Amino acid sequence: MKIEIWSDYACPYCYIGKRNLEQALLEFARSDEIEVVFKVFELDPHASKEVTTKTQDRIERKYGKSPIEAKQMIDHIVNMAAKVGLDMRYDSVQYTNTFDAHRLTKYAETKGKGTQMSESLFRAYFTNNLPLAEHEQLINIAVELGLDRDDTKAMLESDAFVQESREDEALANNAGIRSVPCFLIDGKEALLGAQPKDYLLKTIEMHWAEKEVTKDGGEDVLVCGSEGCAI
């Protein structure tokens, strides 16, 4: 089974949803047979590579919130994150463009470290409050995961994984995905938002059971065609 996740590193609900999925998989007996793939989604493709805004200001402006309402929204998200074990310092994130961080994840996947990279980048942004548009920060994160510094630097300075990342975004656009996180379960069912662990687990179990029924049923079906009968 494959679970594809469209998400952005600047999205707090994506980090929460990711952790919910991980906790659901811990309770799923066949989790070692599930492939989790992260797909690129940019909440703000035009975001600057420099830090120019603060969380409070962005929420007030984007959602038309008062200062008090914006602070309440931030606190609510932080409390939601804490419930799943995340140390989310949402009020002090350094908001920048995330495209290169997504490219870095694609690169890490080729080294067998895509899942670890995704976690490292979320933690870097929400807990350590690092600006993910800065190449030096991304390189340091890669080195901590055991990737080569010079190779990572060369990759970031090139256009490597741009096409692959744009293809992910095109898939999301064609599928009508306009917000994240979005979990696509085995190419059949899309779950939008930071779904609770229990719901994710129930959905995974349901699709797994359907897969097993289809597989078992297919083995027992006896048919004949123009070239003969199945034996």
C-alpha atoms as a PDB file:
ATOM      1  CA  MET A   1       0.000   0.000   0.000  1.00  0.00           C
ATOM      2  CA  LYS A   2       1.150   3.513  -0.764  1.00  0.00           C
ATOM      3  CA  ILE A   3       0.193   6.667   1.126  1.00  0.00           C
ATOM      4  CA  GLU A   4       1.050   9.905  -0.671  1.00  0.00           C
ATOM      5  CA  ILE A   5       1.075  13.105   1.370  1.00  0.00           C
ATOM      6  CA  TRP A   6       0.882  16.555  -0.170  1.00  0.00           C
ATOM      7  CA  SER A   7       2.167  19.016   2.410  1.00  0.00           C
ATOM      8  CA  ASP A   8       4.233  22.145   2.943  1.00  0.00           C
ATOM      9  CA  TYR A   9       6.880  22.745   5.577  1.00  0.00           C
ATOM     10  CA  ALA A  10       5.267  26.073   6.492  1.00  0.00           C
ATOM     11  CA  CYS A  11       1.946  24.367   7.310  1.00  0.00           C
ATOM     12  CA  PRO A  12       1.396  23.607  11.018  1.00  0.00           C
ATOM     13  CA  TYR A  13      -1.476  21.223  10.302  1.00  0.00           C
ATOM     14  CA  CYS A  14       0.800  19.270   7.957  1.00  0.00           C
ATOM     15  CA  TYR A  15       3.223  18.594  10.795  1.00  0.00           C
ATOM     16  CA  ILE A  16       0.379  17.605  13.119  1.00  0.00           C
ATOM     17  CA  GLY A  17      -1.179  15.409  10.427  1.00  0.00           C
ATOM     18  CA  LYS A  18       2.151  13.753   9.735  1.00  0.00           C
ATOM     19  CA  ARG A  19       2.550  12.855  13.395  1.00  0.00           C
ATOM     20  CA  ASN A  20      -1.020  11.523  13.548  1.00  0.00           C
ATOM     21  CA  LEU A  21      -0.276   9.253  10.591  1.00  0.00           C
ATOM     22  CA  GLU A  22       2.927   8.008  12.193  1.00  0.00           C
ATOM     23  CA  GLN A  23       1.072   7.168  15.386  1.00  0.00           C
ATOM     24  CA  ALA A  24      -1.637   5.392  13.403  1.00  0.00           C
ATOM     25  CA  LEU A  25       0.973   3.291  11.605  1.00  0.00           C
ATOM     26  CA  LEU A  26       2.508   2.299  14.933  1.00  0.00           C
ATOM     27  CA  GLU A  27      -0.774   0.548  15.703  1.00  0.00           C
ATOM     28  CA  PHE A  28      -1.114  -1.055  12.266  1.00  0.00           C
ATOM     29  CA  ALA A  29       0.264  -4.586  12.173  1.00  0.00           C
ATOM     30  CA  ARG A  30       1.384  -4.425   8.516  1.00  0.00           C
ATOM     31  CA  SER A  31       2.938  -0.956   8.618  1.00  0.00           C
ATOM     32  CA  ASP A  32       6.223  -2.309   7.244  1.00  0.00           C
ATOM     33  CA  GLU A  33       4.354  -2.994   4.002  1.00  0.00           C
ATOM     34  CA  ILE A  34       3.174   0.597   3.613  1.00  0.00           C
ATOM     35  CA  GLU A  35       5.174   3.094   1.574  1.00  0.00           C
ATOM     36  CA  VAL A  36       4.811   6.728   2.640  1.00  0.00           C
ATOM     37  CA  VAL A  37       5.729   9.274  -0.040  1.00  0.00           C
ATOM     38  CA  PHE A  38       5.871  13.032   0.485  1.00  0.00           C
ATOM     39  CA  LYS A  39       4.624  15.237  -2.333  1.00  0.00           C
ATOM     40  CA  VAL A  40       5.360  18.903  -2.921  1.00  0.00           C
ATOM     41  CA  PHE A  41       2.802  21.606  -2.189  1.00  0.00           C
ATOM     42  CA  GLU A  42       3.600  25.303  -1.721  1.00  0.00           C
ATOM     43  CA  LEU A  43       1.097  27.309   0.290  1.00  0.00           C
ATOM     44  CA  ASP A  44       2.752  30.482  -0.941  1.00  0.00           C
ATOM     45  CA  PRO A  45       4.866  29.950  -4.074  1.00  0.00           C
ATOM     46  CA  HIS A  46       5.606  33.672  -4.147  1.00  0.00           C
ATOM     47  CA  ALA A  47       6.937  33.820  -0.599  1.00  0.00           C
ATOM     48  CA  SER A  48      10.202  35.704  -0.260  1.00  0.00           C
ATOM     49  CA  LYS A  49      13.511  33.991   0.395  1.00  0.00           C
ATOM     50  CA  GLU A  50      13.995  36.586   3.121  1.00  0.00           C
ATOM     51  CA  VAL A  51      12.089  36.740   6.403  1.00  0.00           C
ATOM     52  CA  THR A  52       9.721  39.684   6.055  1.00  0.00           C
ATOM     53  CA  THR A  53       6.700  38.871   8.262  1.00  0.00           C
ATOM     54  CA  LYS A  54       5.723  37.429  11.623  1.00  0.00           C
ATOM     55  CA  THR A  55       3.077  34.790  12.291  1.00  0.00           C
ATOM     56  CA  GLN A  56       0.848  37.167  14.218  1.00  0.00           C
ATOM     57  CA  ASP A  57       0.858  39.735  11.419  1.00  0.00           C
ATOM     58  CA  ARG A  58       0.209  37.163   8.698  1.00  0.00           C
ATOM     59  CA  ILE A  59      -2.797  35.706  10.514  1.00  0.00           C
ATOM     60  CA  GLU A  60      -4.267  39.137  11.213  1.00  0.00           C
ATOM     61  CA  ARG A  61      -3.897  40.136   7.574  1.00  0.00           C
ATOM     62  CA  LYS A  62      -4.815  36.847   5.864  1.00  0.00           C
ATOM     63  CA  TYR A  63      -7.822  35.940   7.996  1.00  0.00           C
ATOM     64  CA  GLY A  64      -8.934  39.394   9.061  1.00  0.00           C
ATOM     65  CA  LYS A  65      -8.337  38.602  12.715  1.00  0.00           C
ATOM     66  CA  SER A  66      -7.883  41.051  15.560  1.00  0.00           C
ATOM     67  CA  PRO A  67      -4.593  40.819  17.503  1.00  0.00           C
ATOM     68  CA  ILE A  68      -6.346  38.904  20.267  1.00  0.00           C
ATOM     69  CA  GLU A  69      -8.053  36.532  17.824  1.00  0.00           C
ATOM     70  CA  ALA A  70      -4.778  35.906  15.998  1.00  0.00           C
ATOM     71  CA  LYS A  71      -3.030  35.083  19.255  1.00  0.00           C
ATOM     72  CA  GLN A  72      -5.843  32.696  20.182  1.00  0.00           C
ATOM     73  CA  MET A  73      -5.499  30.960  16.819  1.00  0.00           C
ATOM     74  CA  ILE A  74      -1.741  30.558  17.323  1.00  0.00           C
ATOM     75  CA  ASP A  75      -2.231  29.201  20.845  1.00  0.00           C
ATOM     76  CA  HIS A  76      -4.872  26.760  19.619  1.00  0.00           C
ATOM     77  CA  ILE A  77      -2.523  25.344  16.963  1.00  0.00           C
ATOM     78  CA  VAL A  78       0.343  25.101  19.451  1.00  0.00           C
ATOM     79  CA  ASN A  79      -1.894  23.232  21.904  1.00  0.00           C
ATOM     80  CA  MET A  80      -3.043  20.843  19.169  1.00  0.00           C
ATOM     81  CA  ALA A  81       0.598  20.122  18.339  1.00  0.00           C
ATOM     82  CA  ALA A  82       1.481  19.538  21.989  1.00  0.00           C
ATOM     83  CA  LYS A  83      -1.232  16.883  22.248  1.00  0.00           C
ATOM     84  CA  VAL A  84       0.606  14.776  19.662  1.00  0.00           C
ATOM     85  CA  GLY A  85       4.006  15.397  21.243  1.00  0.00           C
ATOM     86  CA  LEU A  86       5.258  18.258  19.084  1.00  0.00           C
ATOM     87  CA  ASP A  87       7.190  21.225  20.457  1.00  0.00           C
ATOM     88  CA  MET A  88       5.740  23.744  18.018  1.00  0.00           C
ATOM     89  CA  ARG A  89       6.879  27.335  18.381  1.00  0.00           C
ATOM     90  CA  TYR A  90       4.530  28.673  15.762  1.00  0.00           C
ATOM     91  CA  ASP A  91       4.560  32.277  16.902  1.00  0.00           C
ATOM     92  CA  SER A  92       8.289  32.662  16.198  1.00  0.00           C
ATOM     93  CA  VAL A  93       8.762  30.755  12.924  1.00  0.00           C
ATOM     94  CA  GLN A  94      10.883  32.433  10.248  1.00  0.00           C
ATOM     95  CA  TYR A  95       8.540  32.388   7.275  1.00  0.00           C
ATOM     96  CA  THR A  96      10.238  32.063   3.878  1.00  0.00           C
ATOM     97  CA  ASN A  97       9.882  30.310   0.548  1.00  0.00           C
ATOM     98  CA  THR A  98       9.962  26.503   0.979  1.00  0.00           C
ATOM     99  CA  PHE A  99      10.633  25.283  -2.560  1.00  0.00           C
ATOM    100  CA  ASP A 100      14.302  24.477  -2.019  1.00  0.00           C
ATOM    101  CA  ALA A 101      13.396  22.562   1.140  1.00  0.00           C
ATOM    102  CA  HIS A 102      11.069  20.436  -0.981  1.00  0.00           C
ATOM    103  CA  ARG A 103      13.847  19.877  -3.532  1.00  0.00           C
ATOM    104  CA  LEU A 104      16.130  18.819  -0.698  1.00  0.00           C
ATOM    105  CA  THR A 105      13.583  16.209   0.349  1.00  0.00           C
ATOM    106  CA  LYS A 106      13.506  14.845  -3.206  1.00  0.00           C
ATOM    107  CA  TYR A 107      17.301  14.629  -3.143  1.00  0.00           C
ATOM    108  CA  ALA A 108      17.245  12.879   0.239  1.00  0.00           C
ATOM    109  CA  GLU A 109      14.782  10.321  -1.131  1.00  0.00           C
ATOM    110  CA  THR A 110      17.397   9.222  -3.658  1.00  0.00           C
ATOM    111  CA  LYS A 111      19.682   8.504  -0.697  1.00  0.00           C
ATOM    112  CA  GLY A 112      17.042   6.569   1.208  1.00  0.00           C
ATOM    113  CA  LYS A 113      16.485   9.396   3.693  1.00  0.00           C
ATOM    114  CA  GLY A 114      13.338  11.104   2.450  1.00  0.00           C
ATOM    115  CA  THR A 115      11.239  10.359   5.543  1.00  0.00           C
ATOM    116  CA  GLN A 116      14.003  11.478   7.905  1.00  0.00           C
ATOM    117  CA  MET A 117      14.527  14.651   5.896  1.00  0.00           C
ATOM    118  CA  SER A 118      10.859  15.540   6.032  1.00  0.00           C
ATOM    119  CA  GLU A 119      10.854  15.230   9.822  1.00  0.00           C
ATOM    120  CA  SER A 120      14.084  17.214  10.131  1.00  0.00           C
ATOM    121  CA  LEU A 121      12.729  20.068   8.017  1.00  0.00           C
ATOM    122  CA  PHE A 122       9.444  20.287   9.922  1.00  0.00           C
ATOM    123  CA  ARG A 123      11.356  20.322  13.202  1.00  0.00           C
ATOM    124  CA  ALA A 124      13.826  22.882  11.874  1.00  0.00           C
ATOM    125  CA  TYR A 125      11.001  25.216  10.919  1.00  0.00           C
ATOM    126  CA  PHE A 126       8.535  24.817  13.772  1.00  0.00           C
ATOM    127  CA  THR A 127      10.771  23.952  16.727  1.00  0.00           C
ATOM    128  CA  ASN A 128      14.157  25.446  15.893  1.00  0.00           C
ATOM    129  CA  ASN A 129      12.631  28.292  13.875  1.00  0.00           C
ATOM    130  CA  LEU A 130      15.157  28.190  11.047  1.00  0.00           C
ATOM    131  CA  PRO A 131      14.569  29.971   7.716  1.00  0.00           C
ATOM    132  CA  LEU A 132      14.221  27.140   5.211  1.00  0.00           C
ATOM    133  CA  ALA A 133      15.096  29.285   2.213  1.00  0.00           C
ATOM    134  CA  GLU A 134      18.684  29.672   3.400  1.00  0.00           C
ATOM    135  CA  HIS A 135      20.897  27.135   1.681  1.00  0.00           C
ATOM    136  CA  GLU A 136      23.397  26.987   4.526  1.00  0.00           C
ATOM    137  CA  GLN A 137      20.641  25.953   6.924  1.00  0.00           C
ATOM    138  CA  LEU A 138      19.450  23.271   4.500  1.00  0.00           C
ATOM    139  CA  ILE A 139      22.982  22.004   3.984  1.00  0.00           C
ATOM    140  CA  ASN A 140      23.537  21.717   7.733  1.00  0.00           C
ATOM    141  CA  ILE A 141      20.305  19.741   8.083  1.00  0.00           C
ATOM    142  CA  ALA A 142      21.408  17.411   5.290  1.00  0.00           C
ATOM    143  CA  VAL A 143      24.831  16.874   6.856  1.00  0.00           C
ATOM    144  CA  GLU A 144      23.192  15.982  10.182  1.00  0.00           C
ATOM    145  CA  LEU A 145      21.399  13.174   8.333  1.00  0.00           C
ATOM    146  CA  GLY A 146      24.661  11.904   6.894  1.00  0.00           C
ATOM    147  CA  LEU A 147      24.431  13.454   3.429  1.00  0.00           C
ATOM    148  CA  ASP A 148      27.511  14.891   1.780  1.00  0.00           C
ATOM    149  CA  ARG A 149      27.937  18.633   2.276  1.00  0.00           C
ATOM    150  CA  ASP A 150      29.460  19.395  -1.128  1.00  0.00           C
ATOM    151  CA  ASP A 151      26.975  17.242  -3.037  1.00  0.00           C
ATOM    152  CA  THR A 152      24.056  18.860  -1.209  1.00  0.00           C
ATOM    153  CA  LYS A 153      25.398  22.339  -1.891  1.00  0.00           C
ATOM    154  CA  ALA A 154      25.848  21.555  -5.578  1.00  0.00           C
ATOM    155  CA  MET A 155      22.323  20.179  -5.783  1.00  0.00           C
ATOM    156  CA  LEU A 156      20.773  23.250  -4.188  1.00  0.00           C
ATOM    157  CA  GLU A 157      22.702  25.573  -6.489  1.00  0.00           C
ATOM    158  CA  SER A 158      21.462  23.669  -9.545  1.00  0.00           C
ATOM    159  CA  ASP A 159      17.986  23.086 -10.918  1.00  0.00           C
ATOM    160  CA  ALA A 160      17.978  19.467  -9.758  1.00  0.00           C
ATOM    161  CA  PHE A 161      14.570  18.126  -8.718  1.00  0.00           C
ATOM    162  CA  VAL A 162      12.775  21.231  -9.949  1.00  0.00           C
ATOM    163  CA  GLN A 163      10.882  19.248 -12.578  1.00  0.00           C
ATOM    164  CA  GLU A 164       9.964  16.472 -10.156  1.00  0.00           C
ATOM    165  CA  SER A 165       8.703  19.019  -7.633  1.00  0.00           C
ATOM    166  CA  ARG A 166       6.653  20.853 -10.250  1.00  0.00           C
ATOM    167  CA  GLU A 167       5.154  17.542 -11.331  1.00  0.00           C
ATOM    168  CA  ASP A 168       3.933  16.958  -7.768  1.00  0.00           C
ATOM    169  CA  GLU A 169       2.317  20.390  -7.783  1.00  0.00           C
ATOM    170  CA  ALA A 170       0.717  19.703 -11.164  1.00  0.00           C
ATOM    171  CA  LEU A 171      -0.717  16.419  -9.871  1.00  0.00           C
ATOM    172  CA  ALA A 172      -2.225  18.269  -6.924  1.00  0.00           C
ATOM    173  CA  ASN A 173      -3.688  20.909  -9.196  1.00  0.00           C
ATOM    174  CA  ASN A 174      -5.166  18.342 -11.578  1.00  0.00           C
ATOM    175  CA  ALA A 175      -6.654  16.433  -8.643  1.00  0.00           C
ATOM    176  CA  GLY A 176      -8.249  19.588  -7.257  1.00  0.00           C
ATOM    177  CA  ILE A 177      -6.075  19.640  -4.144  1.00  0.00           C
ATOM    178  CA  ARG A 178      -6.150  23.234  -2.953  1.00  0.00           C
ATOM    179  CA  SER A 179      -5.220  22.828   0.710  1.00  0.00           C
ATOM    180  CA  VAL A 180      -3.003  20.588   2.784  1.00  0.00           C
ATOM    181  CA  PRO A 181      -2.273  18.179   4.289  1.00  0.00           C
ATOM    182  CA  CYS A 182      -3.878  15.788   1.834  1.00  0.00           C
ATOM    183  CA  PHE A 183      -3.373  12.042   2.247  1.00  0.00           C
ATOM    184  CA  LEU A 184      -4.022   9.860  -0.796  1.00  0.00           C
ATOM    185  CA  ILE A 185      -4.552   6.272   0.356  1.00  0.00           C
ATOM    186  CA  ASP A 186      -3.412   3.761  -2.260  1.00  0.00           C
ATOM    187  CA  GLY A 187      -4.542   6.089  -5.036  1.00  0.00           C
ATOM    188  CA  LYS A 188      -8.187   5.633  -4.052  1.00  0.00           C
ATOM    189  CA  GLU A 189      -9.260   7.901  -1.207  1.00  0.00           C
ATOM    190  CA  ALA A 190      -8.066  11.405  -0.403  1.00  0.00           C
ATOM    191  CA  LEU A 191      -8.241  12.573   3.209  1.00  0.00           C
ATOM    192  CA  LEU A 192      -7.973  16.305   3.662  1.00  0.00           C
ATOM    193  CA  GLY A 193      -6.649  17.947   6.809  1.00  0.00           C
ATOM    194  CA  ALA A 194      -4.868  16.808   9.964  1.00  0.00           C
ATOM    195  CA  GLN A 195      -7.118  13.802  10.495  1.00  0.00           C
ATOM    196  CA  PRO A 196      -7.105  12.195  13.963  1.00  0.00           C
ATOM    197  CA  LYS A 197      -4.949   9.128  14.480  1.00  0.00           C
ATOM    198  CA  ASP A 198      -7.924   6.804  15.034  1.00  0.00           C
ATOM    199  CA  TYR A 199      -9.617   7.882  11.808  1.00  0.00           C
ATOM    200  CA  LEU A 200      -6.421   7.442   9.805  1.00  0.00           C
ATOM    201  CA  LEU A 201      -5.927   3.982  11.293  1.00  0.00           C
ATOM    202  CA  LYS A 202      -9.519   2.984  10.549  1.00  0.00           C
ATOM    203  CA  THR A 203      -9.210   4.152   6.952  1.00  0.00           C
ATOM    204  CA  ILE A 204      -5.914   2.340   6.411  1.00  0.00           C
ATOM    205  CA  GLU A 205      -7.355  -0.868   7.874  1.00  0.00           C
ATOM    206  CA  MET A 206     -10.407  -0.589   5.633  1.00  0.00           C
ATOM    207  CA  HIS A 207      -8.370  -0.173   2.457  1.00  0.00           C
ATOM    208  CA  TRP A 208      -6.019  -2.958   3.490  1.00  0.00           C
ATOM    209  CA  ALA A 209      -8.949  -5.292   4.049  1.00  0.00           C
ATOM    210  CA  GLU A 210     -10.380  -4.395   0.624  1.00  0.00           C
ATOM    211  CA  LYS A 211      -7.014  -5.100  -0.954  1.00  0.00           C
ATOM    212  CA  GLU A 212      -6.843  -8.505   0.721  1.00  0.00           C
ATOM    213  CA  VAL A 213     -10.372  -9.403  -0.361  1.00  0.00           C
ATOM    214  CA  THR A 214      -9.602  -8.416  -3.950  1.00  0.00           C
ATOM    215  CA  LYS A 215      -6.376 -10.398  -3.940  1.00  0.00           C
ATOM    216  CA  ASP A 216      -7.909 -13.498  -2.402  1.00  0.00           C
ATOM    217  CA  GLY A 217     -10.984 -13.287  -4.561  1.00  0.00           C
ATOM    218  CA  GLY A 218      -8.883 -12.961  -7.693  1.00  0.00           C
ATOM    219  CA  GLU A 219      -7.058 -16.171  -6.907  1.00  0.00           C
ATOM    220  CA  ASP A 220     -10.315 -18.119  -6.588  1.00  0.00           C
ATOM    221  CA  VAL A 221     -12.121 -16.836  -9.699  1.00  0.00           C
ATOM    222  CA  LEU A 222     -12.219 -19.446 -12.474  1.00  0.00           C
ATOM    223  CA  VAL A 223     -12.771 -18.044 -15.954  1.00  0.00           C
ATOM    224  CA  CYS A 224     -12.535 -19.085 -19.572  1.00  0.00           C
ATOM    225  CA  GLY A 225     -11.508 -16.957 -22.505  1.00  0.00           C
ATOM    226  CA  SER A 226     -10.809 -17.273 -26.182  1.00  0.00           C
ATOM    227  CA  GLU A 227      -7.464 -18.906 -25.444  1.00  0.00           C
ATOM    228  CA  GLY A 228      -8.783 -21.400 -22.917  1.00  0.00           C
ATOM    229  CA  CYS A 229      -9.718 -21.719 -19.271  1.00  0.00           C
ATOM    230  CA  ALA A 230      -7.793 -20.801 -16.144  1.00  0.00           C
ATOM    231  CA  ILE A 231      -6.393 -23.784 -14.323  1.00  0.00           C
END
